[in-house]
Protein backbone atom coordinates (compact mmCIF):
# COMPACT_ATOMS: atom_id res chain seq x y z
CA MET A 1 39.70 -117.24 123.28
CA LYS A 2 38.75 -114.11 120.88
CA LYS A 3 41.15 -112.89 118.38
CA ILE A 4 44.48 -114.65 119.84
CA ASN A 5 46.57 -112.99 117.15
CA ILE A 6 45.52 -109.35 118.41
CA LEU A 7 45.97 -110.57 122.16
CA LEU A 8 49.39 -111.40 120.88
CA ILE A 9 50.36 -107.74 120.27
CA SER A 10 50.35 -106.85 123.95
CA LEU A 11 52.14 -110.05 125.07
CA MET A 12 55.04 -109.63 122.71
CA ALA A 13 55.99 -106.25 124.36
CA LEU A 14 56.22 -108.26 127.77
CA THR A 15 57.91 -111.29 126.50
CA LEU A 16 59.66 -110.91 123.29
CA GLY A 17 60.74 -107.36 122.96
CA ALA A 18 64.57 -108.38 124.11
CA CYS A 19 64.83 -111.38 122.12
CA LYS A 20 67.51 -110.20 119.51
CA LYS A 21 70.42 -112.65 120.35
CA PHE A 22 70.98 -115.95 120.03
CA MET A 23 69.18 -117.68 123.04
CA ASP A 24 68.48 -114.41 124.60
CA ARG A 25 68.08 -115.01 128.52
CA ASP A 26 65.25 -112.13 128.64
CA PRO A 27 62.82 -111.94 129.60
CA LEU A 28 62.70 -115.84 130.95
CA SER A 29 65.15 -115.01 133.66
CA LYS A 30 62.57 -112.45 134.93
CA ILE A 31 60.03 -115.16 135.29
CA SER A 32 60.11 -117.65 138.25
CA PRO A 33 58.66 -121.18 137.15
CA ASP A 34 57.70 -121.67 140.90
CA ASN A 35 55.24 -118.58 141.27
CA TYR A 36 54.54 -118.23 137.48
CA PHE A 37 52.90 -121.32 136.21
CA THR A 38 50.30 -121.96 139.09
CA THR A 39 47.39 -121.22 137.45
CA GLU A 40 45.90 -122.50 134.11
CA LYS A 41 45.59 -118.46 133.04
CA ASP A 42 49.54 -118.37 133.18
CA LEU A 43 49.70 -121.37 130.95
CA LYS A 44 47.34 -119.82 128.34
CA LEU A 45 49.09 -116.26 128.70
CA TYR A 46 52.37 -117.97 127.82
CA ILE A 47 51.23 -120.37 125.44
CA ASN A 48 49.91 -117.14 123.45
CA SER A 49 53.13 -115.69 123.00
CA MET A 50 54.03 -118.62 120.96
CA TYR A 51 51.97 -117.44 118.22
CA SER A 52 54.49 -114.98 117.01
CA MET A 53 55.79 -117.87 115.31
CA VAL A 54 52.81 -117.63 112.76
CA PRO A 55 54.20 -115.62 109.54
CA ASP A 56 52.74 -112.29 108.93
CA ALA A 57 50.74 -111.48 105.92
CA GLU A 58 53.61 -110.60 103.83
CA GLY A 59 55.15 -113.74 104.55
CA VAL A 60 52.14 -115.65 103.25
CA TYR A 61 51.33 -113.37 99.74
CA ASN A 62 54.76 -111.90 98.80
CA GLU A 63 55.71 -114.71 96.31
CA ASP A 64 59.02 -113.61 94.39
CA LEU A 65 60.08 -116.54 92.33
CA ASP A 66 58.75 -118.42 88.96
CA ASN A 67 54.98 -118.10 89.89
CA VAL A 68 54.84 -114.28 90.83
CA VAL A 69 57.69 -112.07 89.26
CA LYS A 70 58.89 -108.65 89.45
CA SER A 71 60.51 -105.98 87.89
CA SER A 72 63.64 -106.27 90.19
CA THR A 73 65.45 -109.45 90.51
CA SER A 74 66.76 -110.86 94.09
CA GLU A 75 69.91 -112.13 94.98
CA PHE A 76 68.32 -115.34 95.69
CA LEU A 77 67.35 -115.65 91.88
CA THR A 78 70.69 -113.95 90.72
CA GLY A 79 72.75 -116.70 92.87
CA ARG A 80 74.70 -114.04 94.31
CA ARG A 81 73.57 -114.76 97.92
CA GLN A 82 76.43 -114.16 100.24
CA VAL A 83 76.97 -115.99 103.74
CA PRO A 84 75.40 -113.42 106.36
CA VAL A 85 77.36 -112.42 109.25
CA THR A 86 73.91 -112.26 111.35
CA GLY A 87 70.69 -113.40 111.01
CA GLY A 88 69.69 -115.30 107.62
CA GLY A 89 67.16 -117.35 109.83
CA TRP A 90 69.41 -118.70 111.86
CA SER A 91 67.67 -117.79 115.37
CA TRP A 92 66.71 -119.38 118.54
CA SER A 93 65.14 -117.25 120.75
CA GLU A 94 61.38 -118.78 119.83
CA LEU A 95 62.84 -122.26 120.78
CA ARG A 96 63.99 -121.02 124.15
CA LYS A 97 60.96 -119.82 125.04
CA ILE A 98 59.60 -123.28 123.95
CA ASN A 99 61.73 -125.21 125.80
CA TYR A 100 61.50 -123.14 129.23
CA PHE A 101 57.66 -123.87 129.38
CA LEU A 102 57.87 -127.63 128.65
CA VAL A 103 60.69 -128.00 131.25
CA ASN A 104 58.59 -125.88 134.09
CA CYS A 105 54.86 -125.97 133.43
CA ASN A 106 54.17 -128.92 135.12
CA ARG A 107 56.09 -128.17 138.69
CA VAL A 108 52.79 -127.17 140.31
CA LEU A 109 49.83 -127.89 138.04
CA PRO A 110 48.64 -131.60 137.44
CA TYR A 111 49.35 -132.89 134.01
CA SER A 112 45.27 -133.05 133.46
CA THR A 113 45.47 -129.15 133.33
CA THR A 114 48.74 -128.89 131.60
CA ARG A 115 48.28 -131.59 128.87
CA LYS A 116 46.87 -129.27 125.85
CA TYR A 117 49.26 -126.66 126.61
CA VAL A 118 52.06 -129.21 126.67
CA GLY A 119 50.29 -130.46 123.39
CA ALA A 120 50.67 -126.78 121.93
CA ALA A 121 54.06 -126.08 123.24
CA LYS A 122 55.60 -129.56 121.25
CA PHE A 123 53.28 -128.08 117.99
CA PHE A 124 55.31 -125.10 117.92
CA ARG A 125 58.46 -126.85 118.54
CA ALA A 126 57.85 -129.41 115.60
CA TRP A 127 56.95 -126.22 113.33
CA PHE A 128 60.13 -124.34 114.42
CA TYR A 129 62.57 -126.99 113.98
CA PHE A 130 60.74 -128.10 110.47
CA GLU A 131 61.43 -124.28 109.36
CA MET A 132 65.08 -124.82 110.58
CA VAL A 133 65.86 -128.11 108.87
CA ARG A 134 63.94 -126.86 105.77
CA LYS A 135 66.45 -123.96 105.61
CA PHE A 136 69.56 -125.48 107.10
CA GLY A 137 69.55 -129.28 107.23
CA ASP A 138 71.30 -130.62 110.11
CA VAL A 139 70.80 -128.37 113.13
CA PRO A 140 71.52 -128.60 117.04
CA TRP A 141 68.76 -130.26 118.65
CA TYR A 142 67.77 -128.81 121.99
CA THR A 143 65.20 -129.62 124.61
CA THR A 144 66.11 -127.43 127.49
CA PRO A 145 66.24 -123.65 127.78
CA LEU A 146 69.99 -122.87 127.80
CA ASP A 147 71.58 -120.26 129.60
CA VAL A 148 74.46 -118.13 127.58
CA ASN A 149 77.13 -120.02 129.46
CA ASP A 150 75.87 -123.40 128.93
CA PRO A 151 78.48 -125.68 127.40
CA ALA A 152 75.53 -127.39 125.24
CA LEU A 153 75.78 -123.88 123.44
CA GLN A 154 79.17 -125.33 121.53
CA LYS A 155 77.73 -128.53 120.37
CA GLY A 156 77.80 -129.19 116.63
CA ARG A 157 74.84 -129.61 114.23
CA ASP A 158 72.81 -132.84 114.88
CA PRO A 159 72.13 -135.27 111.89
CA ARG A 160 69.06 -134.34 109.95
CA LYS A 161 67.75 -137.89 110.80
CA LEU A 162 67.77 -137.43 114.41
CA VAL A 163 66.12 -134.05 114.22
CA MET A 164 63.36 -134.88 112.19
CA ASP A 165 62.75 -138.20 114.14
CA SER A 166 62.51 -135.89 117.09
CA VAL A 167 60.20 -133.81 115.37
CA MET A 168 58.03 -136.62 114.48
CA ALA A 169 57.72 -137.56 118.04
CA ASP A 170 56.71 -133.81 119.04
CA ILE A 171 54.06 -133.69 116.66
CA ASP A 172 52.50 -136.94 117.17
CA SER A 173 52.40 -135.94 121.14
CA ALA A 174 50.87 -132.70 120.03
CA ILE A 175 48.24 -134.73 118.10
CA VAL A 176 46.95 -136.85 120.74
CA SER A 177 47.49 -134.16 123.62
CA LEU A 178 45.56 -130.99 122.02
CA ASP A 179 41.85 -130.58 122.22
CA ALA A 180 39.93 -131.40 119.22
CA THR A 181 37.74 -128.26 119.61
CA LYS A 182 37.46 -126.67 116.34
CA SER A 183 38.76 -123.06 116.09
CA ASN A 184 41.29 -121.00 113.30
CA GLU A 185 42.49 -119.10 116.00
CA GLN A 186 44.14 -121.68 118.32
CA VAL A 187 46.25 -125.00 117.28
CA ASN A 188 44.37 -127.85 117.96
CA LYS A 189 44.26 -131.39 117.10
CA TRP A 190 43.11 -130.82 113.59
CA THR A 191 45.93 -128.01 113.29
CA ALA A 192 48.40 -130.61 114.29
CA LEU A 193 47.61 -133.15 111.65
CA ALA A 194 47.67 -130.34 108.85
CA LEU A 195 50.97 -129.61 110.09
CA LYS A 196 52.26 -133.35 110.29
CA SER A 197 51.08 -133.69 106.42
CA ARG A 198 53.01 -130.58 105.50
CA ILE A 199 56.36 -131.53 107.22
CA CYS A 200 56.10 -135.27 106.48
CA LEU A 201 55.51 -134.57 102.39
CA PHE A 202 58.27 -131.92 102.48
CA GLU A 203 60.64 -134.41 104.16
CA GLY A 204 59.50 -137.64 102.04
CA THR A 205 59.74 -136.06 98.81
CA PHE A 206 63.08 -133.83 99.81
CA ARG A 207 64.64 -137.38 100.68
CA LYS A 208 63.34 -139.09 97.21
CA TYR A 209 64.44 -136.32 95.15
CA HIS A 210 67.83 -135.07 97.05
CA LYS A 211 69.79 -138.66 96.68
CA GLU A 212 73.04 -136.73 97.24
CA PHE A 213 71.99 -136.26 101.06
CA ASN A 214 71.89 -140.29 101.25
CA LEU A 215 68.99 -139.44 103.63
CA PRO A 216 66.58 -143.01 104.55
CA ASP A 217 63.03 -143.48 105.28
CA GLU A 218 61.56 -141.50 102.17
CA ASN A 219 58.52 -143.82 102.16
CA LYS A 220 57.85 -143.45 105.76
CA PHE A 221 57.42 -139.79 105.72
CA LEU A 222 55.53 -140.12 102.46
CA GLN A 223 52.91 -142.57 104.11
CA ALA A 224 52.97 -140.37 107.23
CA ALA A 225 51.74 -137.51 105.17
CA ALA A 226 48.82 -139.09 103.76
CA ASP A 227 47.88 -140.67 106.95
CA ALA A 228 47.88 -137.50 108.76
CA ALA A 229 45.91 -135.93 106.10
CA ALA A 230 43.52 -138.83 105.57
CA LEU A 231 43.02 -138.73 109.52
CA LEU A 232 42.16 -134.76 109.16
CA MET A 233 39.81 -135.88 106.08
CA ALA A 234 37.95 -138.55 107.98
CA GLY A 235 37.54 -135.99 110.88
CA GLY A 236 34.47 -134.18 109.20
CA GLN A 237 35.50 -130.99 110.66
CA TYR A 238 36.26 -128.99 107.79
CA ARG A 239 35.15 -128.96 104.08
CA ILE A 240 36.39 -126.82 100.89
CA TYR A 241 34.27 -123.61 100.98
CA THR A 242 31.62 -123.10 98.22
CA SER A 243 28.99 -120.40 97.75
CA THR A 244 25.99 -119.51 95.35
CA SER A 245 28.30 -117.21 93.51
CA GLN A 246 30.78 -118.09 90.98
CA TYR A 247 33.65 -116.64 92.79
CA ALA A 248 34.04 -118.90 95.85
CA TYR A 249 37.94 -119.07 95.43
CA ARG A 250 38.10 -115.38 95.21
CA GLU A 251 35.85 -115.07 97.95
CA LEU A 252 37.76 -117.24 100.42
CA PHE A 253 40.74 -114.61 100.32
CA SER A 254 39.22 -111.81 100.79
CA PHE A 255 36.78 -112.40 103.71
CA LYS A 256 37.14 -110.02 106.66
CA ASP A 257 37.17 -113.07 108.90
CA ALA A 258 38.54 -116.24 107.87
CA ASN A 259 36.04 -118.76 106.67
CA PRO A 260 35.90 -121.37 109.59
CA ASP A 261 34.92 -124.17 107.31
CA GLU A 262 38.27 -124.60 105.08
CA ILE A 263 40.83 -122.46 107.19
CA ILE A 264 42.18 -124.54 110.19
CA LEU A 265 44.48 -121.98 111.19
CA THR A 266 44.51 -117.87 110.43
CA ARG A 267 46.33 -114.93 111.22
CA ARG A 268 44.10 -112.35 112.41
CA PHE A 269 43.96 -108.92 111.30
CA SER A 270 41.76 -105.89 112.77
CA GLY A 271 40.81 -102.41 111.56
CA ALA A 272 39.31 -101.48 114.82
CA LEU A 273 42.94 -102.13 116.52
CA GLN A 274 44.66 -100.64 113.74
CA ILE A 275 46.26 -104.24 112.76
CA TYR A 276 46.74 -104.13 109.00
CA HIS A 277 48.58 -105.68 106.16
CA ASN A 278 49.18 -104.60 102.53
CA ALA A 279 47.73 -107.12 100.00
CA ASN A 280 45.69 -104.38 98.15
CA TYR A 281 48.63 -102.09 98.17
CA TYR A 282 50.84 -104.73 96.92
CA THR A 283 48.82 -105.47 94.03
CA ILE A 284 47.76 -101.88 92.77
CA THR A 285 50.85 -99.79 92.91
CA ALA A 286 54.39 -100.30 91.64
CA SER A 287 55.95 -100.07 95.20
CA TYR A 288 56.34 -103.99 95.62
CA GLY A 289 57.91 -104.34 92.45
CA GLN A 290 55.00 -104.66 90.12
CA PRO A 291 54.20 -108.20 91.00
CA GLY A 292 52.48 -110.32 87.90
CA LEU A 293 52.03 -113.80 87.09
CA GLU A 294 54.40 -115.37 85.06
CA LYS A 295 53.32 -116.50 81.04
CA SER A 296 54.34 -120.33 81.56
CA PHE A 297 52.27 -120.57 84.69
CA VAL A 298 49.42 -118.80 83.13
CA ASN A 299 49.71 -121.53 80.36
CA SER A 300 49.63 -124.23 83.21
CA TYR A 301 45.80 -123.26 84.06
CA LEU A 302 43.58 -125.85 81.89
CA MET A 303 40.64 -125.08 79.70
CA LYS A 304 37.12 -124.90 81.56
CA ASP A 305 36.28 -128.39 80.05
CA GLY A 306 39.67 -129.94 81.70
CA SER A 307 41.47 -129.96 78.30
CA ARG A 308 45.04 -128.18 78.18
CA PHE A 309 45.54 -124.74 76.85
CA THR A 310 49.10 -125.69 75.46
CA ASP A 311 47.20 -128.31 73.45
CA LYS A 312 45.61 -125.40 71.33
CA PRO A 313 47.18 -124.92 67.81
CA GLY A 314 49.28 -121.60 68.06
CA TYR A 315 48.49 -121.16 72.11
CA ASP A 316 52.07 -119.13 72.18
CA LYS A 317 50.81 -116.61 70.08
CA ILE A 318 47.37 -115.96 71.55
CA GLN A 319 46.60 -112.63 72.94
CA PHE A 320 44.96 -111.68 76.37
CA TYR A 321 41.56 -111.81 75.52
CA GLU A 322 41.39 -114.87 73.65
CA GLU A 323 43.78 -116.52 76.06
CA CYS A 324 41.38 -116.08 78.93
CA GLN A 325 38.33 -117.41 77.36
CA ASN A 326 37.08 -120.39 78.95
CA ARG A 327 39.73 -121.33 81.43
CA ASP A 328 39.82 -122.70 84.93
CA PRO A 329 37.64 -120.04 86.69
CA ARG A 330 40.53 -119.65 89.22
CA LEU A 331 42.58 -117.90 86.75
CA ALA A 332 39.94 -114.91 86.82
CA GLN A 333 39.95 -115.54 90.32
CA THR A 334 43.68 -114.76 90.73
CA ILE A 335 44.38 -112.24 88.20
CA ARG A 336 42.29 -109.12 86.38
CA THR A 337 40.69 -110.96 83.15
CA PRO A 338 38.32 -109.12 81.03
CA GLY A 339 35.35 -108.26 82.82
CA TYR A 340 36.93 -107.86 86.08
CA THR A 341 35.25 -105.68 88.79
CA ARG A 342 36.61 -104.85 91.84
CA ILE A 343 34.52 -106.25 95.19
CA GLY A 344 31.74 -103.48 95.91
CA ASN A 345 32.40 -101.87 92.66
CA THR A 346 31.03 -102.31 88.99
CA ASN A 347 33.43 -100.43 87.03
CA LYS A 348 35.35 -102.97 84.50
CA LEU A 349 39.17 -102.34 85.05
CA VAL A 350 41.71 -104.09 82.46
CA PRO A 351 45.29 -104.91 83.95
CA ASP A 352 47.39 -102.13 84.90
CA PHE A 353 50.94 -102.57 83.38
CA GLY A 354 52.09 -99.81 86.01
CA ALA A 355 51.29 -102.58 88.81
CA ALA A 356 52.12 -105.73 87.21
CA VAL A 357 55.49 -106.05 84.98
CA THR A 358 54.07 -109.18 83.07
CA GLY A 359 50.39 -107.62 82.70
CA TYR A 360 48.86 -110.33 84.73
CA GLN A 361 47.95 -108.37 87.55
CA LEU A 362 47.29 -110.08 90.89
CA ILE A 363 43.69 -109.97 92.56
CA LYS A 364 43.94 -112.74 95.15
CA TYR A 365 43.32 -111.24 98.41
CA VAL A 366 42.29 -107.85 97.18
CA THR A 367 39.38 -106.24 98.92
CA ASP A 368 37.19 -103.11 98.08
CA GLU A 369 38.72 -99.94 97.46
CA THR A 370 38.34 -98.45 101.12
CA HIS A 371 41.48 -100.51 102.00
CA ASP A 372 43.78 -99.43 98.94
CA SER A 373 45.99 -97.30 101.18
CA TYR A 374 49.31 -98.44 102.49
CA THR A 375 48.71 -100.59 105.22
CA LYS A 376 44.82 -100.89 105.25
CA ASN A 377 43.62 -104.30 104.93
CA ASP A 378 42.29 -106.15 107.59
CA ASN A 379 41.14 -109.23 105.88
CA ASP A 380 42.57 -112.56 107.70
CA MET A 381 45.49 -114.32 106.30
CA PRO A 382 45.43 -118.29 105.86
CA ILE A 383 48.14 -120.18 107.57
CA PHE A 384 46.85 -123.65 107.03
CA ARG A 385 43.45 -124.48 105.37
CA TYR A 386 42.05 -127.92 104.20
CA ALA A 387 42.63 -127.47 100.62
CA GLU A 388 46.85 -127.87 101.28
CA ALA A 389 45.86 -131.08 103.18
CA LEU A 390 44.14 -132.55 100.08
CA LEU A 391 46.62 -131.89 98.05
CA ASN A 392 49.10 -133.33 100.39
CA TYR A 393 47.45 -136.27 100.46
CA ALA A 394 46.97 -136.93 96.49
CA GLU A 395 50.52 -136.27 96.20
CA ALA A 396 51.78 -138.38 99.09
CA LYS A 397 49.69 -141.30 97.67
CA ALA A 398 50.98 -140.42 94.17
CA GLU A 399 54.62 -140.52 95.39
CA LEU A 400 54.24 -143.59 97.02
CA GLY A 401 52.64 -145.29 94.14
CA GLN A 402 49.26 -146.01 96.01
CA LEU A 403 47.29 -143.74 93.99
CA THR A 404 43.77 -144.69 93.15
CA GLN A 405 40.76 -142.60 91.32
CA ALA A 406 39.15 -143.16 94.87
CA ASP A 407 41.85 -140.91 96.32
CA ILE A 408 41.47 -138.09 93.72
CA ASP A 409 37.58 -138.06 94.41
CA GLN A 410 38.29 -137.13 97.64
CA SER A 411 41.06 -134.81 97.14
CA ILE A 412 41.35 -132.95 93.90
CA LYS A 413 37.64 -133.44 93.01
CA LEU A 414 36.38 -131.31 95.83
CA LEU A 415 38.88 -128.30 94.75
CA ARG A 416 37.82 -128.58 91.10
CA ASP A 417 34.24 -128.93 92.28
CA ARG A 418 34.13 -125.77 93.79
CA VAL A 419 35.13 -124.01 90.39
CA GLY A 420 32.88 -125.91 88.27
CA MET A 421 35.70 -127.88 86.74
CA PRO A 422 35.83 -131.78 85.56
CA ASN A 423 37.50 -134.08 88.06
CA LEU A 424 41.07 -135.47 87.08
CA ASN A 425 40.72 -138.84 85.56
CA VAL A 426 44.01 -140.84 86.80
CA ALA A 427 44.15 -143.52 83.77
CA THR A 428 43.51 -140.75 81.32
CA ALA A 429 46.37 -138.45 83.07
CA ASN A 430 48.78 -141.39 83.18
CA ALA A 431 48.05 -142.48 79.15
CA ASN A 432 48.39 -139.09 77.81
CA PRO A 433 50.96 -137.08 80.06
CA ASP A 434 50.92 -133.53 79.43
CA SER A 435 54.22 -132.95 77.61
CA TYR A 436 54.10 -129.26 78.29
CA GLU A 437 54.27 -130.13 82.30
CA ALA A 438 56.76 -133.05 81.63
CA ALA A 439 59.40 -130.56 79.85
CA ARG A 440 59.19 -128.32 82.67
CA TYR A 441 60.49 -130.84 85.25
CA GLY A 442 63.23 -132.03 82.45
CA ASN A 443 61.08 -135.10 81.43
CA LYS A 444 61.97 -136.77 84.71
CA ALA A 445 59.97 -140.22 85.00
CA LEU A 446 56.84 -138.47 86.80
CA SER A 447 53.56 -140.24 86.07
CA GLY A 448 50.81 -138.06 84.18
CA ALA A 449 48.70 -138.18 87.30
CA LEU A 450 51.51 -136.46 89.60
CA LEU A 451 52.29 -133.92 87.13
CA GLU A 452 48.39 -132.89 87.07
CA ILE A 453 48.53 -133.11 90.97
CA ARG A 454 52.02 -130.80 90.88
CA ARG A 455 49.99 -128.44 88.23
CA GLU A 456 46.74 -128.33 90.78
CA ARG A 457 48.76 -127.39 93.86
CA ARG A 458 50.59 -124.74 91.93
CA ILE A 459 47.22 -123.34 90.84
CA GLU A 460 45.28 -123.69 93.97
CA LEU A 461 48.14 -122.48 96.48
CA VAL A 462 49.61 -119.76 94.40
CA MET A 463 50.58 -116.87 96.57
CA GLU A 464 50.27 -118.58 100.01
CA ASN A 465 54.12 -119.34 100.33
CA PHE A 466 54.46 -122.50 99.04
CA ARG A 467 56.28 -122.21 96.04
CA TRP A 468 59.83 -122.14 97.32
CA SER A 469 59.38 -125.24 99.52
CA ASP A 470 57.96 -127.13 96.57
CA LEU A 471 60.52 -126.44 94.33
CA CYS A 472 63.15 -127.12 96.85
CA ARG A 473 61.69 -130.58 97.99
CA TRP A 474 61.47 -131.44 94.32
CA LYS A 475 64.82 -130.50 93.25
CA GLU A 476 63.81 -128.04 90.77
CA GLY A 477 65.81 -124.74 91.48
CA ALA A 478 66.66 -124.71 88.07
CA LEU A 479 63.38 -123.55 87.16
CA LEU A 480 63.99 -120.08 88.76
CA THR A 481 67.06 -119.64 85.74
CA LYS A 482 64.93 -119.50 83.19
CA GLN A 483 63.79 -116.33 81.26
CA PHE A 484 60.49 -115.05 83.03
CA LYS A 485 57.97 -113.61 80.95
CA GLY A 486 54.59 -111.96 80.39
CA MET A 487 51.68 -111.30 78.01
CA TYR A 488 52.02 -112.11 74.22
CA PHE A 489 52.04 -108.88 71.62
CA PRO A 490 52.54 -109.54 68.31
CA GLY A 491 54.53 -105.90 68.08
CA THR A 492 53.65 -102.25 68.26
CA GLY A 493 50.19 -100.98 68.05
CA GLN A 494 47.13 -100.42 69.86
CA PHE A 495 45.39 -103.34 71.77
CA ASP A 496 41.83 -103.83 73.16
CA LEU A 497 42.55 -106.03 76.08
CA ASP A 498 38.97 -106.73 77.16
CA ASN A 499 37.42 -106.76 73.45
CA ASP A 500 34.93 -103.80 74.34
CA GLY A 501 35.47 -101.77 71.93
CA LYS A 502 38.20 -99.35 73.36
CA ILE A 503 42.21 -99.09 73.12
CA ASP A 504 43.58 -99.99 76.34
CA VAL A 505 47.18 -100.05 75.56
CA VAL A 506 49.46 -98.34 73.21
CA ILE A 507 53.09 -99.83 72.54
CA TYR A 508 54.77 -97.37 70.50
CA GLU A 509 58.57 -96.69 69.42
CA GLY A 510 60.20 -92.96 69.42
CA THR A 511 57.87 -90.24 70.22
CA LYS A 512 54.92 -90.74 72.31
CA PRO A 513 51.85 -90.80 69.74
CA ALA A 514 49.00 -88.33 70.52
CA GLY A 515 45.64 -89.67 71.46
CA PRO A 516 43.53 -89.91 74.48
CA LYS A 517 44.32 -90.23 77.99
CA GLY A 518 42.66 -93.38 78.54
CA PRO A 519 45.39 -96.20 77.11
CA ALA A 520 48.36 -97.21 79.17
CA TYR A 521 51.09 -95.79 76.60
CA LEU A 522 54.32 -98.12 76.58
CA LYS A 523 57.43 -97.23 75.13
CA LEU A 524 59.05 -100.24 73.49
CA GLY A 525 62.71 -100.89 75.08
CA SER A 526 62.20 -99.06 78.24
CA GLU A 527 58.57 -99.15 79.56
CA ILE A 528 57.97 -102.74 77.83
CA ASN A 529 60.31 -105.17 75.98
CA LEU A 530 59.16 -107.91 73.70
CA GLU A 531 61.11 -110.51 72.69
CA ASN A 532 61.50 -109.78 69.49
CA GLY A 533 61.27 -105.79 69.75
CA ASN A 534 58.88 -104.37 67.34
CA ALA A 535 58.09 -107.86 65.63
CA GLY A 536 56.60 -108.74 68.80
CA GLY A 537 56.43 -111.72 70.95
CA TYR A 538 56.19 -112.06 75.05
CA ILE A 539 57.01 -109.54 77.40
CA VAL A 540 60.36 -110.43 78.69
CA VAL A 541 61.49 -109.42 82.33
CA ASN A 542 64.74 -108.61 82.99
CA ARG A 543 66.32 -109.86 80.01
CA ASN A 544 69.60 -108.72 80.62
CA ILE A 545 70.19 -109.93 84.14
CA THR A 546 71.61 -113.40 84.45
CA LYS A 547 70.31 -115.69 86.85
CA GLU A 548 72.20 -118.56 88.28
CA PHE A 549 71.23 -121.51 90.49
CA ASN A 550 74.06 -123.71 92.18
CA GLU A 551 72.48 -127.37 92.53
CA ASN A 552 75.36 -127.95 94.93
CA ARG A 553 74.53 -125.41 97.06
CA ASP A 554 71.57 -123.46 97.05
CA TYR A 555 68.78 -125.79 98.16
CA LEU A 556 70.37 -125.02 102.04
CA TYR A 557 70.84 -121.72 103.47
CA PRO A 558 74.13 -120.89 104.84
CA VAL A 559 74.95 -120.79 108.46
CA PRO A 560 75.96 -117.07 109.44
CA ILE A 561 79.32 -116.21 110.16
CA GLN A 562 78.78 -114.91 113.77
CA GLU A 563 77.19 -118.26 114.53
CA ARG A 564 80.29 -120.19 113.50
CA THR A 565 82.83 -117.61 115.13
CA LEU A 566 81.10 -118.08 118.52
CA ASN A 567 80.61 -122.08 118.03
CA LYS A 568 83.60 -123.80 116.05
CA ASN A 569 81.58 -126.99 116.32
CA LEU A 570 78.96 -125.46 113.81
CA THR A 571 80.03 -126.71 110.46
CA GLN A 572 78.96 -124.60 107.01
CA ASN A 573 76.59 -126.12 104.52
CA PRO A 574 78.39 -127.43 101.22
CA ASN A 575 79.61 -125.04 98.94
CA TRP A 576 78.92 -121.84 100.83
CA ASN A 577 82.38 -119.81 101.42
CA ASP A 578 82.51 -117.79 104.47
CA GLY A 579 86.36 -117.64 104.78
CA LEU A 580 86.35 -119.69 108.14
């Protein structure tokens, strides 16, 4: 089935237009199961409508935490979130649609026909509930399409253990029911294995590090994460994309059509059908808050030979051109570094401080200049890719205390091979843990190898909507309260960022100096802020805004007020005050 996400646009108009309230009955009340689910075509069309659950592009690339920082500070970072009246992620219309299908799809057709469609529905139910548990913890578990007056709508929240055990049953059923035919447009056995590894790694590590919730079976989930990833790896359907160029990592995210070797599930876009996203616009204008990589994250990129940048003497006072030399090639394929050129162009470009508040300007997902206007990108967005499964495997094995060099050789090594980096040596990493990375995590008892796997995950998956999920499950929300920083400058003056003999940036005080039009003129104290003023230091972002993270509250979202008003049996998450 070609371009399933494009077909979805027309289906959504028929099946989703009225889904605005909790368990809304439209449009299911207009479909009779006795005369609708009578052909395989009916099943296909109905299942296609479930792809509305697939995140949109901005939900993938638009990170706003401690990897990518912006000129504005969200309420999530300041700790000033309030309990919403409605919304806030507490939405159930997709679940009712899924449950309606599962209850009614076998009335006419034999199971031999419905099997793979039942598997797809259970895949989406497992995904739906995983996202709900990830946000809210305990949630009501429903398996039937409830009507608005059904007494079950007044039930309380089911325990997380019951819900997650049910999610495991659904995803295991999906794995055995779905076809093994490879496709990055439709869910299949391999997509289900990828989802299972994601779900189980989250749940296993969440239970391990969040002892306050007293949740059992952490190792059961961690083992299931490793096993699911191992089955996906053994299936031989996917590989890490490589090319003859030195820019394979960058190419993977700029391809118009998702690479089928590595991308397990994609969200499709189409210029012909005017279905676009904004990735180029996001990175080259100030409209999205000038997103840029954060300095301590840039420091985490290793040297090209595998040594640590933060082991270099005076690493904290190295300027842009020098800090970019001989680094992990993924750095130059994620941000503008000296010598950067746009796809389809030979003009060398330096970072634009008007588009990147830290100076580290993003290029991941950026295509050629013909797509620079608002909503003009039509390159596909990765939702599940093989690299994630490899990282899930390595991390689960490390958390279980089972990690061997052979495990690394079939996972992390493949990611580093793509960019010509040395392999991770488990024994060496454990014997000499990175003190810079260890300090990031409060010097907890993490092995050197696990620190390296976390580094690898952060670098490989940046701008793919994993960062909050990772910080949440590791119980590292406090990292969001640190002062976000950018490039280092020794003070005011003129700076050549790419060492080509031309001035690119002028930092000044007082009146703007006379000079050529080429450089970016940045007034100290208004257009740029340095740690120590005219004495220099790192760029500091939103220095005067206090950021807070409540360890006893902020790992879970609040239940909206309206839901608790309508259902008195719904309890609120700890330390969220809604006045009820």
